[in-house]
Amino acid sequence: AQHVGTTCTVAGPVVNVYQAKESRGMPIFVDIGEAYPSSRSVTLLIWAEALSDFEEMLNEVDDGDAWISVTGYLGTYEGRLQFNIDDGPVQYTWWTHVS
């Protein structure tokens, strides 16, 4: 939380991938560390219009046993940490079959 408002890197296990298909913009949420709404969770927020840029990663990490590292602007939404791809460029790397 001390890095809110800065560009930083967060790495951890992917614990949940969810698309809110009924919400405007059909956002996709990738929870890192712990599942939302845990205070120890960081969410990567991807909007459906950018899905093609993230599709390979999403398909692989959604199967479980995956880790992701995300670098970008760390903001908050309703008090929870998140990387929102609309806040600036986001770089990411993922690993699968991590136990």
C-alpha atoms as a PDB file:
ATOM      1  CA  ALA A   1       0.000   0.000   0.000  1.00  0.00           C
ATOM      2  CA  GLN A   2       2.966   2.325   0.516  1.00  0.00           C
ATOM      3  CA  HIS A   3       3.466   2.373  -3.280  1.00  0.00           C
ATOM      4  CA  VAL A   4      -0.017   3.644  -4.190  1.00  0.00           C
ATOM      5  CA  GLY A   5       0.286   6.432  -6.719  1.00  0.00           C
ATOM      6  CA  THR A   6       3.604   5.191  -8.080  1.00  0.00           C
ATOM      7  CA  THR A   7       4.806   2.843 -10.786  1.00  0.00           C
ATOM      8  CA  CYS A   8       5.851  -0.387  -9.126  1.00  0.00           C
ATOM      9  CA  THR A   9       5.964  -4.165  -9.547  1.00  0.00           C
ATOM     10  CA  VAL A  10       3.834  -6.737  -7.751  1.00  0.00           C
ATOM     11  CA  ALA A  11       4.322 -10.482  -8.157  1.00  0.00           C
ATOM     12  CA  GLY A  12       2.339 -13.337  -6.696  1.00  0.00           C
ATOM     13  CA  PRO A  13       0.001 -16.232  -7.315  1.00  0.00           C
ATOM     14  CA  VAL A  14      -3.082 -15.723  -9.461  1.00  0.00           C
ATOM     15  CA  VAL A  15      -5.967 -16.700  -7.194  1.00  0.00           C
ATOM     16  CA  ASN A  16      -8.959 -15.680  -9.304  1.00  0.00           C
ATOM     17  CA  VAL A  17      -9.849 -14.531 -12.829  1.00  0.00           C
ATOM     18  CA  TYR A  18     -13.343 -13.136 -13.318  1.00  0.00           C
ATOM     19  CA  GLN A  19     -15.104 -11.221 -16.084  1.00  0.00           C
ATOM     20  CA  ALA A  20     -18.095  -9.069 -15.134  1.00  0.00           C
ATOM     21  CA  LYS A  21     -19.998  -9.586 -18.387  1.00  0.00           C
ATOM     22  CA  GLU A  22     -23.061  -7.716 -17.129  1.00  0.00           C
ATOM     23  CA  SER A  23     -21.078  -4.592 -16.207  1.00  0.00           C
ATOM     24  CA  ARG A  24     -20.320  -1.691 -18.542  1.00  0.00           C
ATOM     25  CA  GLY A  25     -17.004  -2.309 -20.295  1.00  0.00           C
ATOM     26  CA  MET A  26     -17.120  -6.000 -19.277  1.00  0.00           C
ATOM     27  CA  PRO A  27     -14.056  -5.704 -17.011  1.00  0.00           C
ATOM     28  CA  ILE A  28     -11.808  -8.664 -16.314  1.00  0.00           C
ATOM     29  CA  PHE A  29     -10.335  -8.919 -12.829  1.00  0.00           C
ATOM     30  CA  VAL A  30      -7.154 -10.878 -12.110  1.00  0.00           C
ATOM     31  CA  ASP A  31      -6.655 -11.212  -8.346  1.00  0.00           C
ATOM     32  CA  ILE A  32      -3.044 -11.581  -7.225  1.00  0.00           C
ATOM     33  CA  GLY A  33      -2.009 -12.849  -3.791  1.00  0.00           C
ATOM     34  CA  GLU A  34      -5.440 -13.293  -2.258  1.00  0.00           C
ATOM     35  CA  ALA A  35      -8.976 -13.058  -3.619  1.00  0.00           C
ATOM     36  CA  TYR A  36     -10.840  -9.752  -3.631  1.00  0.00           C
ATOM     37  CA  PRO A  37     -11.907  -8.190  -1.267  1.00  0.00           C
ATOM     38  CA  SER A  38      -8.946  -9.221   0.908  1.00  0.00           C
ATOM     39  CA  SER A  39      -6.776  -6.289   1.947  1.00  0.00           C
ATOM     40  CA  ARG A  40      -3.780  -8.437   0.919  1.00  0.00           C
ATOM     41  CA  SER A  41      -4.979  -8.698  -2.668  1.00  0.00           C
ATOM     42  CA  VAL A  42      -3.900  -6.699  -5.715  1.00  0.00           C
ATOM     43  CA  THR A  43      -6.146  -6.737  -8.783  1.00  0.00           C
ATOM     44  CA  LEU A  44      -5.127  -6.339 -12.403  1.00  0.00           C
ATOM     45  CA  LEU A  45      -8.114  -4.704 -14.124  1.00  0.00           C
ATOM     46  CA  ILE A  46      -8.375  -5.377 -17.864  1.00  0.00           C
ATOM     47  CA  TRP A  47     -11.189  -3.912 -19.960  1.00  0.00           C
ATOM     48  CA  ALA A  48     -12.838  -6.150 -22.569  1.00  0.00           C
ATOM     49  CA  GLU A  49     -11.813  -3.817 -25.400  1.00  0.00           C
ATOM     50  CA  ALA A  50      -8.165  -4.727 -24.624  1.00  0.00           C
ATOM     51  CA  LEU A  51      -8.813  -8.455 -24.244  1.00  0.00           C
ATOM     52  CA  SER A  52      -6.770  -9.426 -27.300  1.00  0.00           C
ATOM     53  CA  ASP A  53      -3.641  -7.892 -25.710  1.00  0.00           C
ATOM     54  CA  PHE A  54      -4.008 -10.126 -22.640  1.00  0.00           C
ATOM     55  CA  GLU A  55      -5.836 -13.183 -23.999  1.00  0.00           C
ATOM     56  CA  GLU A  56      -2.907 -15.630 -24.020  1.00  0.00           C
ATOM     57  CA  MET A  57      -1.957 -14.787 -20.444  1.00  0.00           C
ATOM     58  CA  LEU A  58      -5.567 -14.941 -19.230  1.00  0.00           C
ATOM     59  CA  ASN A  59      -6.146 -18.351 -20.815  1.00  0.00           C
ATOM     60  CA  GLU A  60      -3.036 -19.770 -19.163  1.00  0.00           C
ATOM     61  CA  VAL A  61      -3.372 -18.301 -15.669  1.00  0.00           C
ATOM     62  CA  ASP A  62      -7.082 -19.099 -15.417  1.00  0.00           C
ATOM     63  CA  ASP A  63      -6.215 -22.801 -15.145  1.00  0.00           C
ATOM     64  CA  GLY A  64      -4.586 -22.280 -11.752  1.00  0.00           C
ATOM     65  CA  ASP A  65      -1.071 -22.939 -10.447  1.00  0.00           C
ATOM     66  CA  ALA A  66       0.134 -19.685 -12.031  1.00  0.00           C
ATOM     67  CA  TRP A  67       2.027 -16.625 -10.883  1.00  0.00           C
ATOM     68  CA  ILE A  68       2.086 -13.189 -12.465  1.00  0.00           C
ATOM     69  CA  SER A  69       4.341 -10.172 -12.173  1.00  0.00           C
ATOM     70  CA  VAL A  70       2.755  -6.818 -13.062  1.00  0.00           C
ATOM     71  CA  THR A  71       4.534  -3.483 -13.412  1.00  0.00           C
ATOM     72  CA  GLY A  72       2.490  -0.325 -13.792  1.00  0.00           C
ATOM     73  CA  TYR A  73       0.760   2.492 -11.970  1.00  0.00           C
ATOM     74  CA  LEU A  74      -0.642   1.201  -8.683  1.00  0.00           C
ATOM     75  CA  GLY A  75      -3.921   2.836  -7.765  1.00  0.00           C
ATOM     76  CA  THR A  76      -6.900   2.009  -5.616  1.00  0.00           C
ATOM     77  CA  TYR A  77     -10.600   1.383  -6.075  1.00  0.00           C
ATOM     78  CA  GLU A  78     -12.836   1.501  -3.014  1.00  0.00           C
ATOM     79  CA  GLY A  79      -9.739   1.124  -0.844  1.00  0.00           C
ATOM     80  CA  ARG A  80      -8.377  -1.933  -2.657  1.00  0.00           C
ATOM     81  CA  LEU A  81      -5.091  -1.995  -4.582  1.00  0.00           C
ATOM     82  CA  GLN A  82      -5.299  -2.337  -8.343  1.00  0.00           C
ATOM     83  CA  PHE A  83      -3.475  -1.952 -11.613  1.00  0.00           C
ATOM     84  CA  ASN A  84      -6.014  -0.509 -14.072  1.00  0.00           C
ATOM     85  CA  ILE A  85      -4.783  -0.715 -17.656  1.00  0.00           C
ATOM     86  CA  ASP A  86      -6.521   2.609 -18.329  1.00  0.00           C
ATOM     87  CA  ASP A  87      -4.128   4.309 -15.871  1.00  0.00           C
ATOM     88  CA  GLY A  88      -1.092   3.772 -18.113  1.00  0.00           C
ATOM     89  CA  PRO A  89       1.069   1.078 -19.630  1.00  0.00           C
ATOM     90  CA  VAL A  90       1.225  -2.253 -17.847  1.00  0.00           C
ATOM     91  CA  GLN A  91       3.954  -4.826 -18.324  1.00  0.00           C
ATOM     92  CA  TYR A  92       3.397  -8.369 -17.192  1.00  0.00           C
ATOM     93  CA  THR A  93       5.020 -11.793 -17.133  1.00  0.00           C
ATOM     94  CA  TRP A  94       3.442 -15.031 -16.015  1.00  0.00           C
ATOM     95  CA  TRP A  95       4.523 -18.498 -15.043  1.00  0.00           C
ATOM     96  CA  THR A  96       2.348 -21.590 -15.108  1.00  0.00           C
ATOM     97  CA  HIS A  97       2.587 -24.914 -13.243  1.00  0.00           C
ATOM     98  CA  VAL A  98       3.984 -23.159 -10.176  1.00  0.00           C
ATOM     99  CA  SER A  99       3.382 -25.052  -6.973  1.00  0.00           C
END
